[in-house]
Protein backbone atom coordinates (compact mmCIF):
# COMPACT_ATOMS: atom_id res chain seq x y z
CA UNK A 1 0.00 0.00 0.00
CA UNK A 2 1.37 3.39 -0.93
CA UNK A 3 1.62 6.32 1.45
CA UNK A 4 -0.83 8.30 -0.69
CA UNK A 5 -3.59 5.78 -0.02
CA UNK A 6 -3.66 6.88 3.64
CA UNK A 7 -4.06 10.60 2.88
CA UNK A 8 -7.50 11.92 3.76
CA UNK A 9 -8.60 14.92 1.73
CA UNK A 10 -9.54 17.85 3.95
CA UNK A 11 -13.01 19.19 3.37
CA UNK A 12 -13.46 22.72 2.01
CA UNK A 13 -16.88 22.86 3.69
CA UNK A 14 -16.77 24.53 7.11
CA UNK A 15 -17.98 22.65 10.18
CA UNK A 16 -21.62 23.26 11.12
CA UNK A 17 -21.07 25.99 13.79
CA UNK A 18 -19.67 28.28 11.06
CA UNK A 19 -23.06 28.12 9.31
CA UNK A 20 -25.01 29.31 12.38
CA UNK A 21 -24.44 33.02 11.66
CA UNK A 22 -25.34 32.50 8.00
CA UNK A 23 -28.63 30.77 8.83
CA UNK A 24 -29.52 33.56 11.28
CA UNK A 25 -28.56 36.18 8.69
CA UNK A 26 -30.84 34.54 6.09
CA UNK A 27 -33.73 34.43 8.57
CA UNK A 28 -33.12 37.93 9.97
CA UNK A 29 -35.87 39.40 7.76
CA UNK A 30 -38.43 37.64 9.94
CA UNK A 31 -39.88 35.69 7.02
CA UNK A 32 -40.73 32.02 7.35
CA UNK A 33 -38.60 30.18 4.81
CA UNK A 34 -38.46 26.60 3.54
CA UNK A 35 -35.41 24.59 4.52
CA UNK A 36 -34.14 24.32 0.91
CA UNK A 37 -34.28 28.14 0.55
CA UNK A 38 -32.41 28.62 3.83
CA UNK A 39 -29.74 26.12 2.77
CA UNK A 40 -29.28 27.72 -0.65
CA UNK A 41 -29.09 31.26 0.74
CA UNK A 42 -26.80 30.28 3.63
CA UNK A 43 -24.39 28.59 1.20
CA UNK A 44 -24.34 31.80 -0.85
CA UNK A 45 -23.88 33.89 2.31
CA UNK A 46 -20.94 31.71 3.39
CA UNK A 47 -19.31 32.19 -0.01
CA UNK A 48 -18.58 28.51 -0.61
CA UNK A 49 -16.49 27.73 -3.66
CA UNK A 50 -17.82 25.61 -6.52
CA UNK A 51 -15.73 22.67 -5.34
CA UNK A 52 -16.99 23.02 -1.74
CA UNK A 53 -20.58 23.13 -3.00
CA UNK A 54 -19.95 19.93 -4.98
CA UNK A 55 -18.38 17.92 -2.11
CA UNK A 56 -20.31 14.75 -1.41
CA UNK A 57 -20.51 12.34 1.48
CA UNK A 58 -20.00 8.58 1.10
CA UNK A 59 -23.80 8.33 1.00
CA UNK A 60 -23.93 10.64 -2.02
CA UNK A 61 -25.49 13.64 -0.25
CA UNK A 62 -23.92 17.07 -0.34
CA UNK A 63 -21.63 17.79 2.61
CA UNK A 64 -22.68 21.46 2.77
CA UNK A 65 -26.37 20.54 3.01
CA UNK A 66 -25.65 18.04 5.77
CA UNK A 67 -23.67 20.57 7.80
CA UNK A 68 -26.34 23.22 7.31
CA UNK A 69 -28.88 20.66 8.52
CA UNK A 70 -26.88 20.31 11.73
CA UNK A 71 -26.78 24.09 12.13
CA UNK A 72 -30.55 24.37 11.63
CA UNK A 73 -31.21 21.48 14.02
CA UNK A 74 -29.04 22.97 16.76
CA UNK A 75 -30.51 26.46 16.31
CA UNK A 76 -33.97 24.91 16.69
CA UNK A 77 -32.94 23.06 19.87
CA UNK A 78 -31.45 26.27 21.28
CA UNK A 79 -34.68 28.17 20.62
CA UNK A 80 -33.02 30.64 18.24
CA UNK A 81 -35.29 29.58 15.37
CA UNK A 82 -38.68 27.87 15.30
CA UNK A 83 -40.46 25.53 12.91
CA UNK A 84 -44.08 26.70 12.54
CA UNK A 85 -44.79 24.00 9.94
CA UNK A 86 -42.80 21.07 8.59
CA UNK A 87 -39.54 22.11 6.86
CA UNK A 88 -40.25 25.85 7.36
CA UNK A 89 -38.32 27.99 9.81
CA UNK A 90 -38.24 31.53 11.16
CA UNK A 91 -36.04 33.38 13.61
CA UNK A 92 -37.22 33.89 17.21
CA UNK A 93 -36.66 36.97 19.40
CA UNK A 94 -33.88 35.05 21.15
CA UNK A 95 -32.26 34.38 17.77
CA UNK A 96 -32.38 38.07 16.93
CA UNK A 97 -30.33 38.89 20.02
């Protein structure tokens, strides 16, 4: 086995906590937005490169979408955003602070 087989490529996609501010920024208008719109806008807000946007997981899903999902989930648990209906979110007064 060659030494290059053991090299793990570093991801260009930031870890989920980096996306928290971008999700809050997207929701700062007070509108209720669908998850896919939040994800798309937060990726744009974060300025991800084309290659970062294209990174996939072993399962085939996009790494950026998965990490944004974690950010949304944790913001919901913290009470910074709320889900009035399935897959739709809006910022709370606590999230505005």
